[in-house]
């Protein structure tokens, strides 16, 4: 079995690897077109491990506060509520209850493809 970050697998398909199974840590943000990227990775035959930074990265500030440490390139904040209400198999639903990193409402269109099978989720904690 092989697991890799999605940017390392882009432009390939699961059939190009000698392993029985190839999974990808899918880390696109929902508001930057993550639904379409998820559909493309699934179409290429990869097992999906959700690692979306706007919900599953734990190094963002806990609340919007200039004194709160954490870099917010993908989400302005992350909280226990946000993590536990994340709906990985219905990403459009998340857009109804979340905002983008700048606090704006999200507009997400679900692609006209069958929903990919989600193998699992993984939370990330990055530090220096």
N, C-alpha and C. Protein backbone atom coordinates (compact mmCIF):
# COMPACT_ATOMS: atom_id res chain seq x y z
N UNK A 1 0.84 -1.18 0.00
CA UNK A 1 0.00 0.00 0.00
C UNK A 1 0.88 1.25 0.00
N UNK A 2 0.38 2.28 -0.65
CA UNK A 2 1.11 3.54 -0.72
C UNK A 2 0.16 4.67 -0.37
N UNK A 3 0.65 5.65 0.40
CA UNK A 3 -0.10 6.86 0.71
C UNK A 3 0.81 8.04 0.40
N UNK A 4 0.25 9.05 -0.28
CA UNK A 4 1.05 10.23 -0.64
C UNK A 4 0.14 11.45 -0.63
N UNK A 5 0.76 12.61 -0.45
CA UNK A 5 0.01 13.86 -0.55
C UNK A 5 -0.44 14.04 -1.99
N UNK A 6 -1.61 14.64 -2.17
CA UNK A 6 -2.21 14.73 -3.51
C UNK A 6 -1.34 15.45 -4.52
N UNK A 7 -0.59 16.47 -4.11
CA UNK A 7 0.22 17.19 -5.09
C UNK A 7 1.33 16.31 -5.66
N UNK A 8 1.71 15.26 -4.94
CA UNK A 8 2.70 14.32 -5.46
C UNK A 8 2.11 13.30 -6.42
N UNK A 9 0.79 13.19 -6.43
CA UNK A 9 0.12 12.21 -7.30
C UNK A 9 -0.59 12.85 -8.49
N UNK A 10 -0.74 14.15 -8.48
CA UNK A 10 -1.44 14.83 -9.59
C UNK A 10 -0.80 14.48 -10.93
N UNK A 11 -1.63 14.25 -11.92
CA UNK A 11 -1.13 13.92 -13.26
C UNK A 11 -0.84 12.44 -13.44
N UNK A 12 -1.14 11.63 -12.42
CA UNK A 12 -0.95 10.19 -12.53
C UNK A 12 -2.28 9.49 -12.22
N UNK A 13 -2.30 8.19 -12.38
CA UNK A 13 -3.46 7.39 -11.99
C UNK A 13 -2.97 6.26 -11.10
N UNK A 14 -3.89 5.66 -10.37
CA UNK A 14 -3.50 4.59 -9.45
C UNK A 14 -2.92 3.39 -10.19
N UNK A 15 -3.31 3.17 -11.44
CA UNK A 15 -2.80 2.03 -12.22
C UNK A 15 -1.31 2.14 -12.54
N UNK A 16 -0.75 3.33 -12.44
CA UNK A 16 0.66 3.52 -12.77
C UNK A 16 1.61 3.07 -11.65
N UNK A 17 1.07 2.65 -10.52
CA UNK A 17 1.90 2.25 -9.39
C UNK A 17 1.81 0.74 -9.19
N UNK A 18 2.89 0.17 -8.71
CA UNK A 18 2.97 -1.28 -8.53
C UNK A 18 2.31 -1.77 -7.25
N UNK A 19 1.83 -0.87 -6.42
CA UNK A 19 1.22 -1.28 -5.16
C UNK A 19 -0.24 -1.66 -5.37
N UNK A 20 -0.75 -2.47 -4.46
CA UNK A 20 -2.13 -2.94 -4.55
C UNK A 20 -3.12 -1.79 -4.37
N UNK A 21 -2.77 -0.84 -3.54
CA UNK A 21 -3.66 0.27 -3.23
C UNK A 21 -2.85 1.56 -3.15
N UNK A 22 -3.41 2.65 -3.67
CA UNK A 22 -2.76 3.96 -3.59
C UNK A 22 -3.78 4.94 -3.02
N UNK A 23 -3.43 5.52 -1.89
CA UNK A 23 -4.31 6.50 -1.24
C UNK A 23 -3.65 7.87 -1.30
N UNK A 24 -4.49 8.88 -1.32
CA UNK A 24 -3.98 10.24 -1.34
C UNK A 24 -4.52 11.03 -0.14
N UNK A 25 -3.63 11.78 0.47
CA UNK A 25 -4.05 12.76 1.48
C UNK A 25 -4.55 13.96 0.71
N UNK A 26 -5.85 14.14 0.69
CA UNK A 26 -6.47 15.21 -0.08
C UNK A 26 -6.50 16.48 0.77
N UNK A 27 -5.76 17.52 0.33
CA UNK A 27 -5.62 18.71 1.18
C UNK A 27 -6.02 20.01 0.50
N UNK A 28 -6.92 19.95 -0.47
CA UNK A 28 -7.40 21.20 -1.07
C UNK A 28 -8.44 21.85 -0.16
N UNK A 29 -8.48 23.17 -0.17
CA UNK A 29 -9.49 23.87 0.61
C UNK A 29 -10.83 23.83 -0.12
N UNK A 30 -11.88 23.81 0.66
CA UNK A 30 -13.22 23.75 0.07
C UNK A 30 -13.51 24.98 -0.77
N UNK A 31 -13.16 26.16 -0.27
CA UNK A 31 -13.52 27.39 -0.98
C UNK A 31 -12.65 27.67 -2.20
N UNK A 32 -11.54 26.94 -2.40
CA UNK A 32 -10.71 27.09 -3.59
C UNK A 32 -10.96 25.98 -4.60
N UNK A 33 -12.13 25.38 -4.57
CA UNK A 33 -12.48 24.36 -5.56
C UNK A 33 -12.18 22.94 -5.15
N UNK A 34 -12.14 22.69 -3.86
CA UNK A 34 -11.81 21.36 -3.36
C UNK A 34 -12.71 20.25 -3.84
N UNK A 35 -13.98 20.55 -4.07
CA UNK A 35 -14.90 19.50 -4.52
C UNK A 35 -14.50 18.97 -5.89
N UNK A 36 -14.16 19.86 -6.80
CA UNK A 36 -13.73 19.42 -8.13
C UNK A 36 -12.43 18.63 -8.07
N UNK A 37 -11.49 19.09 -7.24
CA UNK A 37 -10.23 18.38 -7.09
C UNK A 37 -10.43 16.99 -6.50
N UNK A 38 -11.35 16.88 -5.57
CA UNK A 38 -11.66 15.58 -4.96
C UNK A 38 -12.22 14.62 -6.00
N UNK A 39 -13.14 15.11 -6.81
CA UNK A 39 -13.72 14.27 -7.87
C UNK A 39 -12.65 13.81 -8.86
N UNK A 40 -11.71 14.70 -9.20
CA UNK A 40 -10.64 14.34 -10.15
C UNK A 40 -9.73 13.27 -9.57
N UNK A 41 -9.37 13.38 -8.29
CA UNK A 41 -8.49 12.37 -7.68
C UNK A 41 -9.20 11.02 -7.61
N UNK A 42 -10.48 11.03 -7.29
CA UNK A 42 -11.24 9.78 -7.24
C UNK A 42 -11.35 9.16 -8.63
N UNK A 43 -11.56 9.99 -9.65
CA UNK A 43 -11.64 9.49 -11.03
C UNK A 43 -10.33 8.86 -11.47
N UNK A 44 -9.21 9.31 -10.91
CA UNK A 44 -7.90 8.74 -11.24
C UNK A 44 -7.63 7.45 -10.46
N UNK A 45 -8.62 7.01 -9.66
CA UNK A 45 -8.54 5.71 -9.00
C UNK A 45 -7.90 5.71 -7.63
N UNK A 46 -7.69 6.87 -7.04
CA UNK A 46 -7.04 6.92 -5.74
C UNK A 46 -8.04 6.79 -4.60
N UNK A 47 -7.65 6.06 -3.55
CA UNK A 47 -8.40 6.06 -2.31
C UNK A 47 -8.22 7.44 -1.69
N UNK A 48 -9.25 7.97 -1.05
CA UNK A 48 -9.21 9.32 -0.53
C UNK A 48 -9.12 9.33 0.98
N UNK A 49 -8.11 10.02 1.49
CA UNK A 49 -8.00 10.32 2.91
C UNK A 49 -8.16 11.83 3.04
N UNK A 50 -9.25 12.25 3.63
CA UNK A 50 -9.53 13.68 3.75
C UNK A 50 -8.56 14.31 4.74
N UNK A 51 -7.87 15.35 4.29
CA UNK A 51 -6.92 16.10 5.11
C UNK A 51 -7.10 17.59 4.85
N UNK A 52 -8.34 17.99 4.60
CA UNK A 52 -8.64 19.38 4.22
C UNK A 52 -8.15 20.37 5.26
N UNK A 53 -7.33 21.33 4.85
CA UNK A 53 -6.76 22.27 5.81
C UNK A 53 -7.78 23.19 6.46
N UNK A 54 -8.88 23.49 5.76
CA UNK A 54 -9.86 24.39 6.35
C UNK A 54 -10.66 23.74 7.48
N UNK A 55 -10.51 22.43 7.67
CA UNK A 55 -11.19 21.73 8.76
C UNK A 55 -10.27 20.84 9.58
N UNK A 56 -9.23 20.29 8.98
CA UNK A 56 -8.45 19.25 9.64
C UNK A 56 -6.99 19.61 9.90
N UNK A 57 -6.64 20.88 9.76
CA UNK A 57 -5.31 21.35 10.17
C UNK A 57 -5.48 22.03 11.52
N UNK A 58 -4.72 21.61 12.49
CA UNK A 58 -4.91 22.08 13.86
C UNK A 58 -3.91 23.13 14.29
N UNK A 59 -3.21 23.75 13.35
CA UNK A 59 -2.26 24.80 13.70
C UNK A 59 -2.80 26.20 13.39
N UNK A 60 -4.08 26.31 13.05
CA UNK A 60 -4.69 27.62 12.83
C UNK A 60 -5.19 28.18 14.16
N UNK A 61 -5.38 29.49 14.24
CA UNK A 61 -5.92 30.07 15.47
C UNK A 61 -7.25 29.43 15.83
N UNK A 62 -7.53 29.35 17.13
CA UNK A 62 -8.78 28.77 17.60
C UNK A 62 -9.96 29.72 17.37
N UNK A 63 -9.69 30.98 17.37
CA UNK A 63 -10.73 31.97 17.06
C UNK A 63 -10.09 33.15 16.37
N UNK A 64 -10.90 33.97 15.73
CA UNK A 64 -10.38 35.12 15.01
C UNK A 64 -9.94 36.17 16.03
N UNK A 65 -8.63 36.33 16.18
CA UNK A 65 -8.07 37.25 17.15
C UNK A 65 -6.64 37.55 16.70
N UNK A 66 -6.30 38.80 16.56
CA UNK A 66 -4.96 39.15 16.09
C UNK A 66 -3.87 38.72 17.06
N UNK A 67 -4.22 38.50 18.32
CA UNK A 67 -3.24 38.06 19.31
C UNK A 67 -3.06 36.54 19.32
N UNK A 68 -3.99 35.82 18.71
CA UNK A 68 -3.93 34.36 18.67
C UNK A 68 -2.88 33.93 17.66
N UNK A 69 -1.94 33.09 18.09
CA UNK A 69 -0.91 32.63 17.18
C UNK A 69 -1.46 31.60 16.21
N UNK A 70 -0.85 31.50 15.08
CA UNK A 70 -1.25 30.55 14.04
C UNK A 70 -1.36 31.25 12.71
N UNK A 71 -0.98 30.56 11.68
CA UNK A 71 -1.00 31.11 10.33
C UNK A 71 -2.30 30.67 9.65
N UNK A 72 -2.96 31.54 8.95
CA UNK A 72 -4.28 31.22 8.42
C UNK A 72 -4.35 31.24 6.89
N UNK A 73 -3.46 30.57 6.23
CA UNK A 73 -3.48 30.53 4.76
C UNK A 73 -4.70 29.80 4.22
N UNK A 74 -5.25 28.86 4.95
CA UNK A 74 -6.39 28.09 4.44
C UNK A 74 -7.67 28.32 5.24
N UNK A 75 -7.55 28.73 6.47
CA UNK A 75 -8.72 28.99 7.31
C UNK A 75 -8.36 30.08 8.31
N UNK A 76 -9.27 30.97 8.53
CA UNK A 76 -9.01 32.07 9.48
C UNK A 76 -8.95 31.55 10.91
N UNK A 77 -9.68 30.46 11.15
CA UNK A 77 -9.67 29.84 12.48
C UNK A 77 -10.11 28.39 12.35
N UNK A 78 -9.87 27.63 13.37
CA UNK A 78 -10.38 26.27 13.47
C UNK A 78 -10.80 26.05 14.90
N UNK A 79 -11.87 25.32 15.10
CA UNK A 79 -12.37 25.07 16.46
C UNK A 79 -12.85 23.64 16.57
N UNK A 80 -13.06 23.21 17.80
CA UNK A 80 -13.58 21.86 18.03
C UNK A 80 -14.93 21.70 17.33
N UNK A 81 -15.78 22.72 17.42
CA UNK A 81 -17.09 22.67 16.76
C UNK A 81 -16.93 22.48 15.25
N UNK A 82 -16.06 23.26 14.66
CA UNK A 82 -15.85 23.18 13.21
C UNK A 82 -15.35 21.80 12.79
N UNK A 83 -14.41 21.24 13.55
CA UNK A 83 -13.86 19.93 13.24
C UNK A 83 -14.93 18.85 13.34
N UNK A 84 -15.71 18.86 14.42
CA UNK A 84 -16.68 17.80 14.65
C UNK A 84 -17.97 17.94 13.85
N UNK A 85 -18.18 19.10 13.21
CA UNK A 85 -19.34 19.23 12.32
C UNK A 85 -18.94 19.08 10.86
N UNK A 86 -17.67 18.83 10.60
CA UNK A 86 -17.19 18.62 9.23
C UNK A 86 -17.88 17.40 8.63
N UNK A 87 -18.44 17.56 7.44
CA UNK A 87 -19.13 16.48 6.74
C UNK A 87 -18.30 16.10 5.51
N UNK A 88 -17.37 15.15 5.65
CA UNK A 88 -16.45 14.84 4.55
C UNK A 88 -17.13 14.25 3.32
N UNK A 89 -18.27 13.62 3.47
CA UNK A 89 -18.94 13.03 2.31
C UNK A 89 -20.02 13.94 1.73
N UNK A 90 -20.12 15.15 2.24
CA UNK A 90 -21.06 16.13 1.71
C UNK A 90 -20.40 17.50 1.82
N UNK A 91 -19.38 17.73 1.00
CA UNK A 91 -18.60 18.96 1.11
C UNK A 91 -19.43 20.21 0.86
N UNK A 92 -20.43 20.13 0.00
CA UNK A 92 -21.26 21.31 -0.23
C UNK A 92 -22.00 21.73 1.03
N UNK A 93 -22.35 20.78 1.87
CA UNK A 93 -23.01 21.11 3.14
C UNK A 93 -22.11 21.97 4.02
N UNK A 94 -20.82 21.70 4.01
CA UNK A 94 -19.89 22.49 4.81
C UNK A 94 -19.88 23.95 4.39
N UNK A 95 -20.06 24.21 3.11
CA UNK A 95 -20.07 25.58 2.61
C UNK A 95 -21.25 26.36 3.18
N UNK A 96 -22.31 25.66 3.54
CA UNK A 96 -23.49 26.32 4.12
C UNK A 96 -23.25 26.75 5.56
N UNK A 97 -22.29 26.13 6.23
CA UNK A 97 -22.08 26.41 7.65
C UNK A 97 -20.73 27.05 7.95
N UNK A 98 -19.90 27.27 6.94
CA UNK A 98 -18.56 27.81 7.14
C UNK A 98 -18.35 29.05 6.28
N UNK A 99 -17.24 29.71 6.53
CA UNK A 99 -16.83 30.84 5.70
C UNK A 99 -15.44 30.55 5.15
N UNK A 100 -15.02 31.34 4.17
CA UNK A 100 -13.67 31.18 3.66
C UNK A 100 -12.68 31.81 4.65
N UNK A 101 -11.42 31.82 4.32
CA UNK A 101 -10.41 32.31 5.27
C UNK A 101 -10.54 33.79 5.58
N UNK A 102 -11.25 34.54 4.72
CA UNK A 102 -11.43 35.97 4.94
C UNK A 102 -12.77 36.30 5.58
N UNK A 103 -13.54 35.26 5.97
CA UNK A 103 -14.82 35.48 6.60
C UNK A 103 -15.99 35.64 5.64
N UNK A 104 -15.77 35.40 4.37
CA UNK A 104 -16.84 35.52 3.36
C UNK A 104 -17.62 34.22 3.24
N UNK A 105 -18.89 34.34 2.88
CA UNK A 105 -19.69 33.15 2.60
C UNK A 105 -19.08 32.38 1.44
N UNK A 106 -19.24 31.07 1.46
CA UNK A 106 -18.73 30.24 0.38
C UNK A 106 -19.86 29.91 -0.59
N UNK A 107 -19.51 29.78 -1.84
CA UNK A 107 -20.43 29.32 -2.87
C UNK A 107 -19.78 28.11 -3.51
N UNK A 108 -20.36 26.95 -3.28
CA UNK A 108 -19.77 25.71 -3.77
C UNK A 108 -20.78 24.99 -4.66
N UNK A 109 -20.32 24.56 -5.82
CA UNK A 109 -21.16 23.80 -6.74
C UNK A 109 -20.68 22.36 -6.75
N UNK A 110 -21.58 21.45 -6.49
CA UNK A 110 -21.23 20.03 -6.50
C UNK A 110 -21.12 19.55 -7.94
N UNK A 111 -20.01 18.91 -8.30
CA UNK A 111 -19.86 18.43 -9.68
C UNK A 111 -20.88 17.34 -10.02
N UNK A 112 -21.15 17.18 -11.29
CA UNK A 112 -22.10 16.18 -11.77
C UNK A 112 -21.42 14.82 -11.90
N UNK A 113 -20.83 14.34 -10.82
CA UNK A 113 -20.20 13.02 -10.80
C UNK A 113 -20.65 12.32 -9.53
N UNK A 114 -20.52 11.01 -9.51
CA UNK A 114 -20.91 10.29 -8.30
C UNK A 114 -19.93 10.63 -7.18
N UNK A 115 -20.43 10.62 -5.97
CA UNK A 115 -19.62 10.97 -4.81
C UNK A 115 -18.50 9.95 -4.62
N UNK A 116 -17.28 10.42 -4.41
CA UNK A 116 -16.18 9.47 -4.20
C UNK A 116 -16.29 8.80 -2.83
N UNK A 117 -15.72 7.64 -2.74
CA UNK A 117 -15.68 6.92 -1.47
C UNK A 117 -14.54 7.47 -0.63
N UNK A 118 -14.85 7.88 0.58
CA UNK A 118 -13.85 8.43 1.49
C UNK A 118 -13.32 7.30 2.36
N UNK A 119 -12.03 7.06 2.29
CA UNK A 119 -11.42 5.97 3.06
C UNK A 119 -11.20 6.35 4.52
N UNK A 120 -10.93 7.63 4.76
CA UNK A 120 -10.71 8.07 6.13
C UNK A 120 -10.39 9.55 6.19
N UNK A 121 -10.10 10.02 7.39
CA UNK A 121 -9.72 11.41 7.60
C UNK A 121 -8.44 11.43 8.42
N UNK A 122 -7.69 12.51 8.26
CA UNK A 122 -6.45 12.67 9.03
C UNK A 122 -6.29 14.13 9.41
N UNK A 123 -6.10 14.39 10.69
CA UNK A 123 -5.85 15.73 11.16
C UNK A 123 -4.35 16.01 11.16
N UNK A 124 -3.97 17.25 10.85
CA UNK A 124 -2.56 17.63 10.77
C UNK A 124 -2.24 18.66 11.86
N UNK A 125 -1.11 18.50 12.47
CA UNK A 125 -0.55 19.50 13.37
C UNK A 125 0.87 19.78 12.91
N UNK A 126 1.12 21.01 12.50
CA UNK A 126 2.44 21.40 12.01
C UNK A 126 3.05 22.34 13.05
N UNK A 127 4.31 22.21 13.26
CA UNK A 127 4.98 23.11 14.21
C UNK A 127 6.42 23.34 13.78
N UNK A 128 7.04 24.29 14.44
CA UNK A 128 8.45 24.59 14.16
C UNK A 128 9.23 24.54 15.44
